[in-house]
Amino acid sequence: MDDTFHWTQAGQILARHPRKPARAAIGTALDAIGQAANDIVFAEMAAIIAARRVEVLVDMIAACEAERARGEVVAELDEAIDTLEAELDRAQTTLPLEQAFHADARDEALARIVAAQAGLRSALASSALPQPVPGLSRAEAVALARAMLSHPPDAIAAAARAEAEARLAGQALAPDAGDDYGFTQPEGQGTWLATHLAGQAGGALGG
């Protein structure tokens, strides 16, 4: 699965003119939410990999012991089991530290989402929000910001965990419930905006 993304951050579109602080605040907040969600994905993946390493070692030792019980290459299996048990001991010793480290990374990213959403609310409430916004109309920028605010931080974190599990399982990434894009995917904001604009254009043509 290709984990490499190329996208234009919302802040690069919305923050072209530094004299417009509210517009820059929206772009910065949108980028912060996307980056924090993506950081949660990788923290979750690292935590899962660390736990699975222990599981794999346990399974390998059990397989070696089963072969040894059948009297197959006992000396070689004894050596392999000793090596695997030493590796398992190290993995079990470091696992709590690794899990705590990744949990701290998740919590820090979640706090960034909370702060960024607070920044979005503040920017939306600002009377200084310019009209129009370069690259986006004011209505489009507001719609995108409100879409990002419609998902609580815990829901974004849950989607990130689901994405991490899907990536490690080699499965397709399911979109967020009720949406056509995922907040944890860097291209998600652009996909949402393109869908939003296409829907508006289709409505205008249909009318």
N, C-alpha and C. Protein backbone atom coordinates (compact mmCIF):
# COMPACT_ATOMS: atom_id res chain seq x y z
N MET A 1 0.84 -1.19 0.00
CA MET A 1 0.00 0.00 0.00
C MET A 1 0.88 1.24 0.00
N ASP A 2 0.55 2.23 -0.82
CA ASP A 2 1.37 3.42 -0.94
C ASP A 2 0.99 4.42 0.14
N ASP A 3 1.91 4.69 1.07
CA ASP A 3 1.63 5.63 2.16
C ASP A 3 2.18 7.01 1.87
N THR A 4 2.60 7.27 0.63
CA THR A 4 3.18 8.56 0.28
C THR A 4 2.09 9.46 -0.28
N PHE A 5 1.96 10.64 0.29
CA PHE A 5 0.92 11.55 -0.14
C PHE A 5 1.55 12.84 -0.66
N HIS A 6 0.90 13.44 -1.64
CA HIS A 6 1.31 14.74 -2.16
C HIS A 6 0.06 15.60 -2.22
N TRP A 7 0.05 16.69 -1.47
CA TRP A 7 -1.15 17.51 -1.47
C TRP A 7 -0.78 18.96 -1.17
N THR A 8 -1.68 19.86 -1.51
CA THR A 8 -1.52 21.27 -1.17
C THR A 8 -2.24 21.52 0.14
N GLN A 9 -1.52 21.95 1.14
CA GLN A 9 -2.15 22.17 2.43
C GLN A 9 -3.11 23.35 2.35
N ALA A 10 -4.16 23.26 3.17
CA ALA A 10 -5.15 24.33 3.17
C ALA A 10 -4.50 25.66 3.53
N GLY A 11 -3.54 25.63 4.42
CA GLY A 11 -2.88 26.86 4.83
C GLY A 11 -2.16 27.56 3.70
N GLN A 12 -1.67 26.79 2.73
CA GLN A 12 -0.98 27.40 1.60
C GLN A 12 -1.94 28.16 0.70
N ILE A 13 -3.22 27.75 0.72
CA ILE A 13 -4.22 28.44 -0.08
C ILE A 13 -4.80 29.62 0.70
N LEU A 14 -5.10 29.38 1.98
CA LEU A 14 -5.83 30.37 2.77
C LEU A 14 -4.95 31.45 3.37
N ALA A 15 -3.65 31.21 3.46
CA ALA A 15 -2.77 32.15 4.17
C ALA A 15 -1.82 32.87 3.24
N ARG A 16 -2.25 33.19 2.04
CA ARG A 16 -1.37 33.86 1.08
C ARG A 16 -1.08 35.30 1.49
N HIS A 17 -2.00 35.92 2.20
CA HIS A 17 -1.85 37.33 2.56
C HIS A 17 -1.82 37.47 4.08
N PRO A 18 -0.65 37.69 4.68
CA PRO A 18 -0.52 37.71 6.13
C PRO A 18 -1.31 38.82 6.81
N ARG A 19 -1.80 39.81 6.04
CA ARG A 19 -2.56 40.89 6.66
C ARG A 19 -3.97 40.44 7.04
N LYS A 20 -4.34 39.23 6.68
CA LYS A 20 -5.67 38.71 6.98
C LYS A 20 -5.55 37.61 8.04
N PRO A 21 -5.45 37.96 9.32
CA PRO A 21 -5.16 36.96 10.35
C PRO A 21 -6.24 35.89 10.49
N ALA A 22 -7.51 36.24 10.29
CA ALA A 22 -8.56 35.23 10.46
C ALA A 22 -8.45 34.16 9.38
N ARG A 23 -8.17 34.60 8.14
CA ARG A 23 -8.02 33.63 7.05
C ARG A 23 -6.83 32.72 7.32
N ALA A 24 -5.71 33.31 7.73
CA ALA A 24 -4.52 32.51 8.03
C ALA A 24 -4.80 31.55 9.17
N ALA A 25 -5.59 31.98 10.15
CA ALA A 25 -5.91 31.12 11.28
C ALA A 25 -6.69 29.89 10.83
N ILE A 26 -7.62 30.06 9.89
CA ILE A 26 -8.38 28.91 9.39
C ILE A 26 -7.45 27.93 8.69
N GLY A 27 -6.60 28.43 7.80
CA GLY A 27 -5.68 27.55 7.09
C GLY A 27 -4.75 26.82 8.02
N THR A 28 -4.21 27.54 9.00
CA THR A 28 -3.29 26.93 9.97
C THR A 28 -3.99 25.85 10.78
N ALA A 29 -5.23 26.13 11.21
CA ALA A 29 -5.97 25.17 12.02
C ALA A 29 -6.32 23.92 11.22
N LEU A 30 -6.72 24.10 9.96
CA LEU A 30 -7.05 22.94 9.12
C LEU A 30 -5.83 22.05 8.93
N ASP A 31 -4.69 22.68 8.66
CA ASP A 31 -3.46 21.90 8.49
C ASP A 31 -3.08 21.18 9.78
N ALA A 32 -3.26 21.86 10.91
CA ALA A 32 -2.89 21.27 12.20
C ALA A 32 -3.74 20.04 12.50
N ILE A 33 -5.03 20.11 12.18
CA ILE A 33 -5.91 18.96 12.43
C ILE A 33 -5.50 17.78 11.56
N GLY A 34 -5.26 18.04 10.28
CA GLY A 34 -4.86 16.96 9.39
C GLY A 34 -3.54 16.33 9.79
N GLN A 35 -2.57 17.16 10.18
CA GLN A 35 -1.26 16.63 10.57
C GLN A 35 -1.35 15.85 11.88
N ALA A 36 -2.12 16.38 12.84
CA ALA A 36 -2.26 15.68 14.12
C ALA A 36 -2.95 14.33 13.94
N ALA A 37 -3.99 14.30 13.10
CA ALA A 37 -4.68 13.04 12.84
C ALA A 37 -3.74 12.03 12.20
N ASN A 38 -2.93 12.51 11.26
CA ASN A 38 -1.96 11.62 10.61
C ASN A 38 -0.91 11.12 11.61
N ASP A 39 -0.51 11.98 12.55
CA ASP A 39 0.44 11.57 13.58
C ASP A 39 -0.15 10.47 14.46
N ILE A 40 -1.46 10.57 14.73
CA ILE A 40 -2.11 9.53 15.53
C ILE A 40 -2.08 8.19 14.79
N VAL A 41 -2.30 8.24 13.47
CA VAL A 41 -2.24 7.01 12.67
C VAL A 41 -0.90 6.32 12.87
N PHE A 42 0.19 7.06 12.75
CA PHE A 42 1.51 6.45 12.83
C PHE A 42 1.85 6.02 14.26
N ALA A 43 1.36 6.76 15.27
CA ALA A 43 1.56 6.32 16.65
C ALA A 43 0.83 5.02 16.91
N GLU A 44 -0.39 4.91 16.38
CA GLU A 44 -1.17 3.68 16.54
C GLU A 44 -0.49 2.52 15.82
N MET A 45 0.01 2.77 14.61
CA MET A 45 0.69 1.71 13.87
C MET A 45 1.92 1.22 14.63
N ALA A 46 2.68 2.14 15.19
CA ALA A 46 3.88 1.76 15.93
C ALA A 46 3.52 0.94 17.17
N ALA A 47 2.43 1.33 17.85
CA ALA A 47 2.01 0.59 19.04
C ALA A 47 1.56 -0.83 18.68
N ILE A 48 0.83 -0.94 17.58
CA ILE A 48 0.36 -2.26 17.14
C ILE A 48 1.54 -3.15 16.75
N ILE A 49 2.49 -2.57 16.02
CA ILE A 49 3.66 -3.34 15.58
C ILE A 49 4.45 -3.84 16.79
N ALA A 50 4.60 -2.99 17.80
CA ALA A 50 5.35 -3.39 19.00
C ALA A 50 4.67 -4.57 19.70
N ALA A 51 3.34 -4.50 19.81
CA ALA A 51 2.61 -5.59 20.47
C ALA A 51 2.67 -6.87 19.64
N ARG A 52 2.56 -6.71 18.33
CA ARG A 52 2.58 -7.90 17.47
C ARG A 52 3.96 -8.56 17.44
N ARG A 53 5.00 -7.79 17.67
CA ARG A 53 6.34 -8.37 17.71
C ARG A 53 6.42 -9.41 18.83
N VAL A 54 5.85 -9.09 19.98
CA VAL A 54 5.82 -10.04 21.09
C VAL A 54 5.01 -11.28 20.71
N GLU A 55 3.84 -11.06 20.08
CA GLU A 55 2.99 -12.18 19.69
C GLU A 55 3.70 -13.10 18.70
N VAL A 56 4.41 -12.51 17.75
CA VAL A 56 5.12 -13.30 16.74
C VAL A 56 6.21 -14.14 17.39
N LEU A 57 6.94 -13.55 18.33
CA LEU A 57 8.01 -14.30 19.00
C LEU A 57 7.44 -15.47 19.80
N VAL A 58 6.32 -15.24 20.49
CA VAL A 58 5.68 -16.32 21.24
C VAL A 58 5.27 -17.45 20.30
N ASP A 59 4.70 -17.09 19.16
CA ASP A 59 4.27 -18.11 18.18
C ASP A 59 5.47 -18.87 17.62
N MET A 60 6.57 -18.16 17.36
CA MET A 60 7.76 -18.81 16.82
C MET A 60 8.36 -19.80 17.82
N ILE A 61 8.39 -19.41 19.08
CA ILE A 61 8.90 -20.31 20.12
C ILE A 61 8.02 -21.56 20.23
N ALA A 62 6.71 -21.36 20.19
CA ALA A 62 5.78 -22.50 20.27
C ALA A 62 5.98 -23.45 19.08
N ALA A 63 6.20 -22.88 17.90
CA ALA A 63 6.41 -23.72 16.71
C ALA A 63 7.71 -24.51 16.83
N CYS A 64 8.76 -23.87 17.34
CA CYS A 64 10.04 -24.57 17.52
C CYS A 64 9.91 -25.69 18.55
N GLU A 65 9.18 -25.41 19.62
CA GLU A 65 9.00 -26.43 20.65
C GLU A 65 8.20 -27.62 20.13
N ALA A 66 7.22 -27.34 19.27
CA ALA A 66 6.43 -28.42 18.68
C ALA A 66 7.31 -29.31 17.79
N GLU A 67 8.20 -28.68 17.02
CA GLU A 67 9.11 -29.46 16.17
C GLU A 67 10.09 -30.27 17.02
N ARG A 68 10.57 -29.65 18.10
CA ARG A 68 11.51 -30.35 18.97
C ARG A 68 10.86 -31.57 19.62
N ALA A 69 9.58 -31.43 19.95
CA ALA A 69 8.86 -32.55 20.57
C ALA A 69 8.75 -33.74 19.63
N ARG A 70 8.82 -33.45 18.33
CA ARG A 70 8.76 -34.54 17.34
C ARG A 70 10.15 -35.13 17.08
N GLY A 71 11.17 -34.61 17.78
CA GLY A 71 12.52 -35.13 17.65
C GLY A 71 13.25 -34.66 16.41
N GLU A 72 12.86 -33.49 15.88
CA GLU A 72 13.48 -32.99 14.65
C GLU A 72 14.60 -32.00 15.00
N VAL A 73 15.78 -32.23 14.47
CA VAL A 73 16.96 -31.36 14.64
C VAL A 73 16.96 -30.68 16.00
N VAL A 74 17.02 -31.49 17.05
CA VAL A 74 16.85 -30.99 18.41
C VAL A 74 17.89 -29.94 18.78
N ALA A 75 19.15 -30.18 18.45
CA ALA A 75 20.21 -29.25 18.84
C ALA A 75 19.98 -27.87 18.22
N GLU A 76 19.67 -27.87 16.92
CA GLU A 76 19.44 -26.60 16.24
C GLU A 76 18.22 -25.88 16.82
N LEU A 77 17.19 -26.65 17.14
CA LEU A 77 15.97 -26.05 17.69
C LEU A 77 16.22 -25.51 19.10
N ASP A 78 17.04 -26.22 19.89
CA ASP A 78 17.38 -25.71 21.22
C ASP A 78 18.04 -24.35 21.12
N GLU A 79 18.96 -24.23 20.18
CA GLU A 79 19.66 -22.96 19.99
C GLU A 79 18.70 -21.87 19.52
N ALA A 80 17.82 -22.23 18.59
CA ALA A 80 16.85 -21.25 18.08
C ALA A 80 15.91 -20.79 19.18
N ILE A 81 15.47 -21.73 20.01
CA ILE A 81 14.55 -21.38 21.10
C ILE A 81 15.24 -20.46 22.09
N ASP A 82 16.49 -20.76 22.43
CA ASP A 82 17.23 -19.89 23.36
C ASP A 82 17.32 -18.47 22.80
N THR A 83 17.62 -18.36 21.51
CA THR A 83 17.75 -17.04 20.89
C THR A 83 16.41 -16.31 20.90
N LEU A 84 15.35 -17.02 20.53
CA LEU A 84 14.02 -16.40 20.49
C LEU A 84 13.54 -16.00 21.88
N GLU A 85 13.83 -16.82 22.88
CA GLU A 85 13.41 -16.49 24.24
C GLU A 85 14.14 -15.25 24.76
N ALA A 86 15.41 -15.12 24.40
CA ALA A 86 16.15 -13.92 24.79
C ALA A 86 15.56 -12.68 24.12
N GLU A 87 15.21 -12.83 22.83
CA GLU A 87 14.59 -11.72 22.11
C GLU A 87 13.22 -11.39 22.68
N LEU A 88 12.46 -12.42 23.04
CA LEU A 88 11.15 -12.20 23.65
C LEU A 88 11.27 -11.47 24.98
N ASP A 89 12.26 -11.86 25.77
CA ASP A 89 12.47 -11.20 27.06
C ASP A 89 12.75 -9.71 26.86
N ARG A 90 13.58 -9.39 25.87
CA ARG A 90 13.87 -7.97 25.60
C ARG A 90 12.62 -7.24 25.12
N ALA A 91 11.86 -7.89 24.24
CA ALA A 91 10.66 -7.25 23.70
C ALA A 91 9.62 -7.01 24.79
N GLN A 92 9.45 -7.98 25.68
CA GLN A 92 8.48 -7.82 26.76
C GLN A 92 8.93 -6.76 27.76
N THR A 93 10.24 -6.62 27.93
CA THR A 93 10.76 -5.60 28.84
C THR A 93 10.55 -4.20 28.30
N THR A 94 10.77 -4.04 27.00
CA THR A 94 10.66 -2.70 26.41
C THR A 94 9.25 -2.34 25.98
N LEU A 95 8.36 -3.34 25.85
CA LEU A 95 7.01 -3.07 25.35
C LEU A 95 6.26 -2.01 26.17
N PRO A 96 6.24 -2.09 27.51
CA PRO A 96 5.52 -1.06 28.26
C PRO A 96 6.07 0.35 28.00
N LEU A 97 7.38 0.46 27.85
CA LEU A 97 7.97 1.76 27.57
C LEU A 97 7.57 2.25 26.18
N GLU A 98 7.58 1.34 25.20
CA GLU A 98 7.17 1.71 23.85
C GLU A 98 5.71 2.13 23.82
N GLN A 99 4.86 1.35 24.50
CA GLN A 99 3.44 1.67 24.50
C GLN A 99 3.17 3.01 25.18
N ALA A 100 3.90 3.28 26.26
CA ALA A 100 3.73 4.56 26.94
C ALA A 100 4.18 5.72 26.05
N PHE A 101 5.28 5.52 25.33
CA PHE A 101 5.77 6.55 24.42
C PHE A 101 4.74 6.84 23.33
N HIS A 102 4.19 5.79 22.74
CA HIS A 102 3.21 5.99 21.67
C HIS A 102 1.91 6.58 22.22
N ALA A 103 1.54 6.22 23.44
CA ALA A 103 0.35 6.80 24.06
C ALA A 103 0.55 8.29 24.29
N ASP A 104 1.74 8.68 24.72
CA ASP A 104 2.04 10.10 24.90
C ASP A 104 1.95 10.84 23.57
N ALA A 105 2.44 10.20 22.50
CA ALA A 105 2.37 10.83 21.17
C ALA A 105 0.92 11.00 20.74
N ARG A 106 0.08 9.99 21.00
CA ARG A 106 -1.35 10.10 20.67
C ARG A 106 -2.00 11.23 21.45
N ASP A 107 -1.72 11.29 22.75
CA ASP A 107 -2.33 12.32 23.60
C ASP A 107 -1.91 13.71 23.15
N GLU A 108 -0.63 13.85 22.78
CA GLU A 108 -0.14 15.16 22.34
C GLU A 108 -0.82 15.56 21.03
N ALA A 109 -0.98 14.62 20.12
CA ALA A 109 -1.64 14.91 18.85
C ALA A 109 -3.11 15.24 19.07
N LEU A 110 -3.75 14.52 19.98
CA LEU A 110 -5.15 14.78 20.28
C LEU A 110 -5.32 16.18 20.87
N ALA A 111 -4.39 16.58 21.72
CA ALA A 111 -4.43 17.94 22.28
C ALA A 111 -4.29 18.99 21.19
N ARG A 112 -3.48 18.69 20.17
CA ARG A 112 -3.34 19.62 19.04
C ARG A 112 -4.63 19.74 18.25
N ILE A 113 -5.36 18.63 18.12
CA ILE A 113 -6.65 18.68 17.43
C ILE A 113 -7.62 19.55 18.21
N VAL A 114 -7.67 19.36 19.53
CA VAL A 114 -8.55 20.17 20.38
C VAL A 114 -8.22 21.65 20.23
N ALA A 115 -6.93 21.98 20.28
CA ALA A 115 -6.51 23.38 20.16
C ALA A 115 -6.83 23.94 18.77
N ALA A 116 -6.61 23.13 17.74
CA ALA A 116 -6.87 23.60 16.37
C ALA A 116 -8.35 23.82 16.15
N GLN A 117 -9.19 22.95 16.69
CA GLN A 117 -10.63 23.15 16.55
C GLN A 117 -11.08 24.39 17.30
N ALA A 118 -10.46 24.66 18.44
CA ALA A 118 -10.77 25.90 19.15
C ALA A 118 -10.38 27.10 18.31
N GLY A 119 -9.23 26.99 17.61
CA GLY A 119 -8.81 28.07 16.72
C GLY A 119 -9.78 28.26 15.57
N LEU A 120 -10.32 27.16 15.04
CA LEU A 120 -11.31 27.27 13.96
C LEU A 120 -12.56 27.99 14.45
N ARG A 121 -13.02 27.62 15.62
CA ARG A 121 -14.23 28.27 16.16
C ARG A 121 -13.99 29.77 16.34
N SER A 122 -12.81 30.10 16.84
CA SER A 122 -12.48 31.51 17.04
C SER A 122 -12.43 32.26 15.71
N ALA A 123 -11.81 31.63 14.70
CA ALA A 123 -11.71 32.27 13.39
C ALA A 123 -13.08 32.45 12.75
N LEU A 124 -13.94 31.45 12.89
CA LEU A 124 -15.28 31.55 12.31
C LEU A 124 -16.10 32.64 12.98
N ALA A 125 -15.81 32.87 14.26
CA ALA A 125 -16.55 33.90 14.99
C ALA A 125 -16.00 35.30 14.75
N SER A 126 -14.84 35.39 14.08
CA SER A 126 -14.19 36.68 13.89
C SER A 126 -14.87 37.49 12.80
N SER A 127 -15.14 38.73 13.08
CA SER A 127 -15.73 39.62 12.08
C SER A 127 -14.71 40.03 11.04
N ALA A 128 -13.43 39.71 11.28
CA ALA A 128 -12.36 40.09 10.34
C ALA A 128 -12.17 39.07 9.24
N LEU A 129 -12.95 37.97 9.26
CA LEU A 129 -12.80 36.96 8.22
C LEU A 129 -13.06 37.59 6.86
N PRO A 130 -12.09 37.56 5.95
CA PRO A 130 -12.18 38.31 4.71
C PRO A 130 -13.13 37.69 3.69
N GLN A 131 -13.54 38.49 2.75
CA GLN A 131 -14.39 38.04 1.65
C GLN A 131 -13.93 38.75 0.39
N PRO A 132 -13.51 38.02 -0.64
CA PRO A 132 -13.39 36.57 -0.68
C PRO A 132 -12.02 36.11 -0.19
N VAL A 133 -11.84 34.81 -0.02
CA VAL A 133 -10.56 34.21 0.35
C VAL A 133 -9.86 33.77 -0.92
N PRO A 134 -8.59 34.14 -1.13
CA PRO A 134 -7.88 33.68 -2.33
C PRO A 134 -7.89 32.16 -2.43
N GLY A 135 -8.30 31.65 -3.57
CA GLY A 135 -8.35 30.21 -3.79
C GLY A 135 -9.66 29.58 -3.37
N LEU A 136 -10.33 30.18 -2.40
CA LEU A 136 -11.63 29.70 -1.93
C LEU A 136 -12.52 30.90 -1.65
N SER A 137 -13.80 30.73 -1.88
CA SER A 137 -14.72 31.77 -1.45
C SER A 137 -14.85 31.71 0.07
N ARG A 138 -15.37 32.77 0.65
CA ARG A 138 -15.58 32.76 2.09
C ARG A 138 -16.49 31.61 2.49
N ALA A 139 -17.55 31.38 1.71
CA ALA A 139 -18.50 30.31 2.02
C ALA A 139 -17.82 28.94 1.98
N GLU A 140 -16.92 28.75 1.00
CA GLU A 140 -16.22 27.47 0.88
C GLU A 140 -15.28 27.24 2.05
N ALA A 141 -14.55 28.30 2.43
CA ALA A 141 -13.64 28.18 3.56
C ALA A 141 -14.41 27.88 4.84
N VAL A 142 -15.53 28.57 5.02
CA VAL A 142 -16.35 28.35 6.21
C VAL A 142 -16.94 26.94 6.21
N ALA A 143 -17.40 26.48 5.03
CA ALA A 143 -17.97 25.14 4.94
C ALA A 143 -16.94 24.07 5.29
N LEU A 144 -15.72 24.24 4.78
CA LEU A 144 -14.66 23.28 5.08
C LEU A 144 -14.32 23.29 6.56
N ALA A 145 -14.25 24.48 7.14
CA ALA A 145 -13.95 24.59 8.57
C ALA A 145 -15.05 23.93 9.40
N ARG A 146 -16.29 24.17 9.03
CA ARG A 146 -17.40 23.57 9.79
C ARG A 146 -17.42 22.05 9.65
N ALA A 147 -17.04 21.57 8.47
CA ALA A 147 -16.96 20.11 8.29
C ALA A 147 -15.92 19.52 9.23
N MET A 148 -14.79 20.20 9.38
CA MET A 148 -13.75 19.71 10.28
C MET A 148 -14.20 19.77 11.74
N LEU A 149 -15.07 20.73 12.05
CA LEU A 149 -15.57 20.86 13.42
C LEU A 149 -16.69 19.88 13.72
N SER A 150 -17.26 19.28 12.68
CA SER A 150 -18.39 18.36 12.90
C SER A 150 -17.95 17.04 13.51
N HIS A 151 -16.64 16.77 13.52
CA HIS A 151 -16.11 15.53 14.09
C HIS A 151 -15.40 15.84 15.40
N PRO A 152 -15.88 15.32 16.53
CA PRO A 152 -15.19 15.52 17.80
C PRO A 152 -13.77 14.93 17.74
N PRO A 153 -12.86 15.46 18.54
CA PRO A 153 -11.49 14.94 18.55
C PRO A 153 -11.42 13.43 18.77
N ASP A 154 -12.24 12.91 19.68
CA ASP A 154 -12.21 11.46 19.95
C ASP A 154 -12.63 10.66 18.71
N ALA A 155 -13.56 11.21 17.92
CA ALA A 155 -13.98 10.51 16.70
C ALA A 155 -12.86 10.50 15.67
N ILE A 156 -12.13 11.61 15.57
CA ILE A 156 -11.00 11.67 14.65
C ILE A 156 -9.92 10.67 15.09
N ALA A 157 -9.68 10.59 16.40
CA ALA A 157 -8.69 9.64 16.91
C ALA A 157 -9.12 8.20 16.65
N ALA A 158 -10.42 7.92 16.80
CA ALA A 158 -10.92 6.57 16.53
C ALA A 158 -10.75 6.21 15.06
N ALA A 159 -11.00 7.18 14.17
CA ALA A 159 -10.80 6.94 12.75
C ALA A 159 -9.32 6.68 12.45
N ALA A 160 -8.45 7.39 13.17
CA ALA A 160 -7.01 7.18 12.99
C ALA A 160 -6.61 5.77 13.40
N ARG A 161 -7.17 5.30 14.52
CA ARG A 161 -6.86 3.93 14.96
C ARG A 161 -7.35 2.91 13.93
N ALA A 162 -8.55 3.13 13.40
CA ALA A 162 -9.08 2.21 12.39
C ALA A 162 -8.22 2.22 11.14
N GLU A 163 -7.72 3.40 10.78
CA GLU A 163 -6.85 3.48 9.60
C GLU A 163 -5.54 2.74 9.84
N ALA A 164 -4.98 2.88 11.04
CA ALA A 164 -3.73 2.19 11.35
C ALA A 164 -3.91 0.68 11.23
N GLU A 165 -5.00 0.17 11.77
CA GLU A 165 -5.26 -1.27 11.70
C GLU A 165 -5.44 -1.72 10.25
N ALA A 166 -6.15 -0.90 9.45
CA ALA A 166 -6.37 -1.26 8.05
C ALA A 166 -5.06 -1.28 7.27
N ARG A 167 -4.21 -0.28 7.52
CA ARG A 167 -2.93 -0.22 6.80
C ARG A 167 -2.07 -1.44 7.11
N LEU A 168 -2.01 -1.81 8.37
CA LEU A 168 -1.17 -2.95 8.75
C LEU A 168 -1.75 -4.27 8.24
N ALA A 169 -3.06 -4.30 8.04
CA ALA A 169 -3.70 -5.50 7.52
C ALA A 169 -3.73 -5.52 5.99
N GLY A 170 -3.24 -4.44 5.37
CA GLY A 170 -3.25 -4.36 3.92
C GLY A 170 -4.64 -4.20 3.35
N GLN A 171 -5.54 -3.61 4.13
CA GLN A 171 -6.92 -3.45 3.69
C GLN A 171 -7.16 -2.04 3.17
N ALA A 172 -8.25 -1.89 2.42
CA ALA A 172 -8.62 -0.57 1.93
C ALA A 172 -9.03 0.31 3.10
N LEU A 173 -8.79 1.60 2.97
CA LEU A 173 -9.16 2.54 4.02
C LEU A 173 -10.63 2.91 3.86
N ALA A 174 -11.40 2.61 4.88
CA ALA A 174 -12.83 2.93 4.83
C ALA A 174 -13.03 4.41 5.13
N PRO A 175 -13.93 5.09 4.42
CA PRO A 175 -14.20 6.49 4.72
C PRO A 175 -14.88 6.62 6.07
N ASP A 176 -14.80 7.81 6.66
CA ASP A 176 -15.50 8.06 7.91
C ASP A 176 -17.00 7.86 7.70
N ALA A 177 -17.67 7.41 8.74
CA ALA A 177 -19.11 7.16 8.63
C ALA A 177 -19.84 8.43 8.23
N GLY A 178 -20.60 8.34 7.17
CA GLY A 178 -21.39 9.48 6.73
C GLY A 178 -20.63 10.47 5.89
N ASP A 179 -19.38 10.22 5.57
CA ASP A 179 -18.58 11.15 4.79
C ASP A 179 -17.97 10.46 3.59
N ASP A 180 -17.53 11.27 2.64
CA ASP A 180 -16.90 10.72 1.45
C ASP A 180 -15.38 10.85 1.51
N TYR A 181 -14.84 11.14 2.65
CA TYR A 181 -13.39 11.31 2.80
C TYR A 181 -13.03 11.04 4.24
N GLY A 182 -11.74 10.91 4.50
CA GLY A 182 -11.28 10.65 5.86
C GLY A 182 -10.45 11.80 6.39
N PHE A 183 -10.72 12.22 7.61
CA PHE A 183 -9.96 13.31 8.21
C PHE A 183 -8.51 12.91 8.46
N THR A 184 -8.25 11.61 8.56
CA THR A 184 -6.90 11.15 8.86
C THR A 184 -6.04 11.07 7.61
N GLN A 185 -6.62 11.28 6.46
CA GLN A 185 -5.86 11.22 5.22
C GLN A 185 -5.57 12.63 4.74
N PRO A 186 -4.30 12.95 4.47
CA PRO A 186 -3.93 14.32 4.12
C PRO A 186 -4.71 14.90 2.96
N GLU A 187 -5.10 14.05 2.00
CA GLU A 187 -5.84 14.55 0.85
C GLU A 187 -7.32 14.71 1.15
N GLY A 188 -7.75 14.38 2.37
CA GLY A 188 -9.17 14.38 2.70
C GLY A 188 -9.84 15.73 2.55
N GLN A 189 -9.18 16.80 3.00
CA GLN A 189 -9.79 18.12 2.91
C GLN A 189 -10.02 18.52 1.46
N GLY A 190 -9.04 18.26 0.61
CA GLY A 190 -9.19 18.60 -0.80
C GLY A 190 -10.28 17.78 -1.46
N THR A 191 -10.38 16.50 -1.08
CA THR A 191 -11.43 15.64 -1.63
C THR A 191 -12.80 16.15 -1.22
N TRP A 192 -12.93 16.51 0.05
CA TRP A 192 -14.21 17.04 0.52
C TRP A 192 -14.58 18.31 -0.24
N LEU A 193 -13.62 19.21 -0.39
CA LEU A 193 -13.90 20.48 -1.06
C LEU A 193 -14.28 20.25 -2.52
N ALA A 194 -13.57 19.35 -3.20
CA ALA A 194 -13.89 19.07 -4.60
C ALA A 194 -15.31 18.50 -4.72
N THR A 195 -15.67 17.59 -3.80
CA THR A 195 -17.01 17.02 -3.81
C THR A 195 -18.05 18.09 -3.53
N HIS A 196 -17.74 18.97 -2.59
CA HIS A 196 -18.64 20.06 -2.23
C HIS A 196 -18.88 20.98 -3.42
N LEU A 197 -17.81 21.36 -4.12
CA LEU A 197 -17.93 22.25 -5.27
C LEU A 197 -18.67 21.56 -6.41
N ALA A 198 -18.38 20.26 -6.62
CA ALA A 198 -19.07 19.53 -7.69
C ALA A 198 -20.57 19.45 -7.41
N GLY A 199 -20.90 19.25 -6.15
CA GLY A 199 -22.31 19.21 -5.78
C GLY A 199 -23.00 20.53 -6.02
N GLN A 200 -22.30 21.62 -5.71
CA GLN A 200 -22.87 22.95 -5.95
C GLN A 200 -23.06 23.19 -7.44
N ALA A 201 -22.04 22.80 -8.23
CA ALA A 201 -22.13 23.01 -9.68
C ALA A 201 -23.26 22.17 -10.27
N GLY A 202 -23.38 20.93 -9.81
CA GLY A 202 -24.45 20.08 -10.30
C GLY A 202 -25.81 20.62 -9.95
N GLY A 203 -25.92 21.17 -8.74
CA GLY A 203 -27.18 21.76 -8.34
C GLY A 203 -27.55 22.96 -9.18
N ALA A 204 -26.53 23.78 -9.50
CA ALA A 204 -26.79 24.96 -10.32
C ALA A 204 -27.23 24.57 -11.73
N LEU A 205 -26.57 23.54 -12.29
CA LEU A 205 -26.94 23.08 -13.64
C LEU A 205 -28.33 22.45 -13.64
N GLY A 206 -28.61 21.71 -12.56
CA GLY A 206 -29.91 21.06 -12.48
C GLY A 206 -31.04 22.04 -12.30
N GLY A 207 -30.70 23.18 -11.64
CA GLY A 207 -31.73 24.18 -11.43
C GLY A 207 -32.01 24.96 -12.69
